[in-house]
Amino acid sequence: GRASLRGLPAFPRLAPFSLRHRIWADVPATIWLPRLHTLVLAGNGLTDQDLPDSLGRARGLRRLSLACNRLQSLPPAVLAEPLRAGLEWLQLQYNALETLPPETFDMPNLTALDLSHNCLAGLAVGGEPQALAAVEV
């Protein structure tokens, strides 16, 4: 079965946090800790609905891996402020993504984006990618 993260204790100084391949049943809204800069949720079978809106308020998050899940679209929280403004590295490979909103490419600090091994039919780039140096499709 899938484990639950509910009741996870507070770690106010935690910076990198990996829940890779743990098969979590939920991602609680309280996981967005003040110093968290790297969050790895790869390989958990997460769907678009499994990520809470509070992820978008993760002000210090710079690196996010949602690779190897069951995402069919980019969760709205990933494009919400202030997360959108701070992300530098985003891994979305090995999901079931078919389309991406144009805003995906308009994150001001995003330098690396991995979209490989998805079901993307085409990409619409909105605006000028400001910092994006590497895109893997």
C-alpha atoms as a PDB file:
ATOM      1  CA  GLY A   1       0.000   0.000   0.000  1.00  0.00           C
ATOM      2  CA  ARG A   2       0.854   3.638  -0.098  1.00  0.00           C
ATOM      3  CA  ALA A   3       2.115   5.374   3.032  1.00  0.00           C
ATOM      4  CA  SER A   4       0.727   8.640   4.360  1.00  0.00           C
ATOM      5  CA  LEU A   5       2.738  11.748   5.127  1.00  0.00           C
ATOM      6  CA  ARG A   6       0.087  13.126   7.463  1.00  0.00           C
ATOM      7  CA  GLY A   7       1.575  13.807  10.865  1.00  0.00           C
ATOM      8  CA  LEU A   8       5.064  14.400   9.487  1.00  0.00           C
ATOM      9  CA  PRO A   9       6.946  16.312  12.200  1.00  0.00           C
ATOM     10  CA  ALA A  10       8.182  19.851  11.581  1.00  0.00           C
ATOM     11  CA  PHE A  11      11.839  20.211  10.625  1.00  0.00           C
ATOM     12  CA  PRO A  12      12.325  23.999  10.386  1.00  0.00           C
ATOM     13  CA  ARG A  13      15.974  23.724   9.259  1.00  0.00           C
ATOM     14  CA  LEU A  14      15.413  21.037   6.619  1.00  0.00           C
ATOM     15  CA  ALA A  15      16.655  22.184   3.203  1.00  0.00           C
ATOM     16  CA  PRO A  16      16.826  19.244   0.761  1.00  0.00           C
ATOM     17  CA  PHE A  17      14.052  16.662   1.150  1.00  0.00           C
ATOM     18  CA  SER A  18      13.719  13.495  -0.915  1.00  0.00           C
ATOM     19  CA  LEU A  19      10.656  11.274  -0.931  1.00  0.00           C
ATOM     20  CA  ARG A  20      11.783   9.409  -4.033  1.00  0.00           C
ATOM     21  CA  HIS A  21      10.108   6.049  -4.714  1.00  0.00           C
ATOM     22  CA  ARG A  22       8.306   5.986  -1.372  1.00  0.00           C
ATOM     23  CA  ILE A  23       4.819   5.624  -2.883  1.00  0.00           C
ATOM     24  CA  TRP A  24       3.150   8.244  -0.722  1.00  0.00           C
ATOM     25  CA  ALA A  25      -0.641   8.386  -0.747  1.00  0.00           C
ATOM     26  CA  ASP A  26      -0.744  12.127  -0.177  1.00  0.00           C
ATOM     27  CA  VAL A  27       1.432  15.193   0.024  1.00  0.00           C
ATOM     28  CA  PRO A  28       0.283  17.311   2.974  1.00  0.00           C
ATOM     29  CA  ALA A  29       0.031  21.076   2.716  1.00  0.00           C
ATOM     30  CA  THR A  30       2.358  21.414   5.729  1.00  0.00           C
ATOM     31  CA  ILE A  31       5.379  19.963   3.929  1.00  0.00           C
ATOM     32  CA  TRP A  32       6.470  23.344   2.520  1.00  0.00           C
ATOM     33  CA  LEU A  33       9.046  24.261   5.111  1.00  0.00           C
ATOM     34  CA  PRO A  34      10.696  27.694   5.316  1.00  0.00           C
ATOM     35  CA  ARG A  35      14.231  26.621   4.310  1.00  0.00           C
ATOM     36  CA  LEU A  36      13.278  23.907   1.848  1.00  0.00           C
ATOM     37  CA  HIS A  37      15.171  24.525  -1.411  1.00  0.00           C
ATOM     38  CA  THR A  38      15.088  21.026  -2.986  1.00  0.00           C
ATOM     39  CA  LEU A  39      12.103  18.690  -3.051  1.00  0.00           C
ATOM     40  CA  VAL A  40      12.214  15.304  -4.788  1.00  0.00           C
ATOM     41  CA  LEU A  41       8.841  13.596  -5.182  1.00  0.00           C
ATOM     42  CA  ALA A  42       9.945  11.312  -8.023  1.00  0.00           C
ATOM     43  CA  GLY A  43       8.506   7.829  -8.445  1.00  0.00           C
ATOM     44  CA  ASN A  44       5.493   8.163  -6.170  1.00  0.00           C
ATOM     45  CA  GLY A  45       2.673   7.586  -8.660  1.00  0.00           C
ATOM     46  CA  LEU A  46       1.404  11.124  -8.010  1.00  0.00           C
ATOM     47  CA  THR A  47      -1.388  12.515 -10.173  1.00  0.00           C
ATOM     48  CA  ASP A  48      -2.246  16.139 -10.936  1.00  0.00           C
ATOM     49  CA  GLN A  49      -4.597  16.200  -7.932  1.00  0.00           C
ATOM     50  CA  ASP A  50      -2.066  14.885  -5.398  1.00  0.00           C
ATOM     51  CA  LEU A  51      -0.083  18.120  -5.061  1.00  0.00           C
ATOM     52  CA  PRO A  52      -1.609  20.693  -2.715  1.00  0.00           C
ATOM     53  CA  ASP A  53      -2.065  24.322  -3.780  1.00  0.00           C
ATOM     54  CA  SER A  54       0.246  25.298  -0.915  1.00  0.00           C
ATOM     55  CA  LEU A  55       3.179  24.069  -3.016  1.00  0.00           C
ATOM     56  CA  GLY A  56       2.858  27.323  -4.965  1.00  0.00           C
ATOM     57  CA  ARG A  57       3.640  29.250  -1.784  1.00  0.00           C
ATOM     58  CA  ALA A  58       6.995  27.500  -1.262  1.00  0.00           C
ATOM     59  CA  ARG A  59       9.001  30.719  -1.465  1.00  0.00           C
ATOM     60  CA  GLY A  60      12.475  29.182  -1.082  1.00  0.00           C
ATOM     61  CA  LEU A  61      12.048  26.129  -3.310  1.00  0.00           C
ATOM     62  CA  ARG A  62      14.582  26.174  -6.162  1.00  0.00           C
ATOM     63  CA  ARG A  63      14.721  22.540  -7.311  1.00  0.00           C
ATOM     64  CA  LEU A  64      11.628  20.361  -7.796  1.00  0.00           C
ATOM     65  CA  SER A  65      11.487  16.838  -9.167  1.00  0.00           C
ATOM     66  CA  LEU A  66       8.099  15.408 -10.094  1.00  0.00           C
ATOM     67  CA  ALA A  67       9.671  12.811 -12.406  1.00  0.00           C
ATOM     68  CA  CYS A  68       8.356   9.262 -12.787  1.00  0.00           C
ATOM     69  CA  ASN A  69       4.811   9.938 -11.635  1.00  0.00           C
ATOM     70  CA  ARG A  70       1.397   9.874 -13.343  1.00  0.00           C
ATOM     71  CA  LEU A  71       1.010  13.571 -14.141  1.00  0.00           C
ATOM     72  CA  GLN A  72      -1.137  14.262 -17.201  1.00  0.00           C
ATOM     73  CA  SER A  73      -0.916  18.024 -16.893  1.00  0.00           C
ATOM     74  CA  LEU A  74       1.248  20.446 -15.002  1.00  0.00           C
ATOM     75  CA  PRO A  75      -0.306  20.975 -11.549  1.00  0.00           C
ATOM     76  CA  PRO A  76      -1.446  24.618 -11.138  1.00  0.00           C
ATOM     77  CA  ALA A  77       0.636  24.951  -7.969  1.00  0.00           C
ATOM     78  CA  VAL A  78       3.846  24.689 -10.030  1.00  0.00           C
ATOM     79  CA  LEU A  79       2.872  27.843 -11.950  1.00  0.00           C
ATOM     80  CA  ALA A  80       1.711  29.779  -8.865  1.00  0.00           C
ATOM     81  CA  GLU A  81       3.641  32.611  -7.233  1.00  0.00           C
ATOM     82  CA  PRO A  82       6.063  32.692  -5.468  1.00  0.00           C
ATOM     83  CA  LEU A  83       7.152  29.150  -6.481  1.00  0.00           C
ATOM     84  CA  ARG A  84       7.055  30.019 -10.182  1.00  0.00           C
ATOM     85  CA  ALA A  85       9.373  32.978  -9.636  1.00  0.00           C
ATOM     86  CA  GLY A  86      11.974  31.004  -7.682  1.00  0.00           C
ATOM     87  CA  LEU A  87      12.236  27.670  -9.486  1.00  0.00           C
ATOM     88  CA  GLU A  88      15.572  27.100 -11.203  1.00  0.00           C
ATOM     89  CA  TRP A  89      15.361  23.373 -11.966  1.00  0.00           C
ATOM     90  CA  LEU A  90      12.230  21.354 -12.782  1.00  0.00           C
ATOM     91  CA  GLN A  91      12.150  17.637 -13.597  1.00  0.00           C
ATOM     92  CA  LEU A  92       8.965  16.335 -15.224  1.00  0.00           C
ATOM     93  CA  GLN A  93      10.351  13.386 -17.194  1.00  0.00           C
ATOM     94  CA  TYR A  94       8.614   9.994 -17.298  1.00  0.00           C
ATOM     95  CA  ASN A  95       5.067  11.219 -16.742  1.00  0.00           C
ATOM     96  CA  ALA A  96       2.044  11.233 -19.055  1.00  0.00           C
ATOM     97  CA  LEU A  97       2.133  14.934 -19.955  1.00  0.00           C
ATOM     98  CA  GLU A  98       0.346  15.682 -23.222  1.00  0.00           C
ATOM     99  CA  THR A  99       0.428  19.491 -23.222  1.00  0.00           C
ATOM    100  CA  LEU A 100       1.992  22.253 -21.166  1.00  0.00           C
ATOM    101  CA  PRO A 101       0.723  25.785 -20.633  1.00  0.00           C
ATOM    102  CA  PRO A 102       2.893  28.414 -22.360  1.00  0.00           C
ATOM    103  CA  GLU A 103       3.726  29.929 -18.933  1.00  0.00           C
ATOM    104  CA  THR A 104       5.873  26.860 -18.242  1.00  0.00           C
ATOM    105  CA  PHE A 105       8.645  28.398 -20.336  1.00  0.00           C
ATOM    106  CA  ASP A 106       8.261  31.882 -18.889  1.00  0.00           C
ATOM    107  CA  MET A 107       9.578  31.220 -15.377  1.00  0.00           C
ATOM    108  CA  PRO A 108      12.130  33.980 -14.762  1.00  0.00           C
ATOM    109  CA  ASN A 109      14.826  31.872 -13.023  1.00  0.00           C
ATOM    110  CA  LEU A 110      14.262  28.463 -14.619  1.00  0.00           C
ATOM    111  CA  THR A 111      17.551  27.253 -16.120  1.00  0.00           C
ATOM    112  CA  ALA A 112      16.864  23.512 -16.563  1.00  0.00           C
ATOM    113  CA  LEU A 113      13.653  21.749 -17.571  1.00  0.00           C
ATOM    114  CA  ASP A 114      13.395  18.018 -18.302  1.00  0.00           C
ATOM    115  CA  LEU A 115      10.284  16.979 -20.226  1.00  0.00           C
ATOM    116  CA  SER A 116      11.671  13.785 -21.744  1.00  0.00           C
ATOM    117  CA  HIS A 117       9.661  10.569 -21.945  1.00  0.00           C
ATOM    118  CA  ASN A 118       6.214  12.154 -21.932  1.00  0.00           C
ATOM    119  CA  CYS A 119       3.400  12.171 -24.491  1.00  0.00           C
ATOM    120  CA  LEU A 120       3.877  15.774 -25.630  1.00  0.00           C
ATOM    121  CA  ALA A 121       2.443  16.460 -29.072  1.00  0.00           C
ATOM    122  CA  GLY A 122       3.863  19.973 -29.315  1.00  0.00           C
ATOM    123  CA  LEU A 123       5.050  22.844 -27.192  1.00  0.00           C
ATOM    124  CA  ALA A 124       3.748  26.405 -27.172  1.00  0.00           C
ATOM    125  CA  VAL A 125       6.328  28.764 -25.747  1.00  0.00           C
ATOM    126  CA  GLY A 126       4.844  31.916 -24.237  1.00  0.00           C
ATOM    127  CA  GLY A 127       7.028  34.989 -23.889  1.00  0.00           C
ATOM    128  CA  GLU A 128      10.798  34.904 -24.011  1.00  0.00           C
ATOM    129  CA  PRO A 129      12.422  32.242 -21.813  1.00  0.00           C
ATOM    130  CA  GLN A 130      14.611  34.490 -19.676  1.00  0.00           C
ATOM    131  CA  ALA A 131      17.046  32.117 -17.990  1.00  0.00           C
ATOM    132  CA  LEU A 132      16.311  28.763 -19.581  1.00  0.00           C
ATOM    133  CA  ALA A 133      19.598  27.216 -20.685  1.00  0.00           C
ATOM    134  CA  ALA A 134      18.682  23.527 -21.016  1.00  0.00           C
ATOM    135  CA  VAL A 135      15.451  21.832 -22.093  1.00  0.00           C
ATOM    136  CA  GLU A 136      15.301  18.100 -22.568  1.00  0.00           C
ATOM    137  CA  VAL A 137      12.309  16.835 -24.546  1.00  0.00           C
END
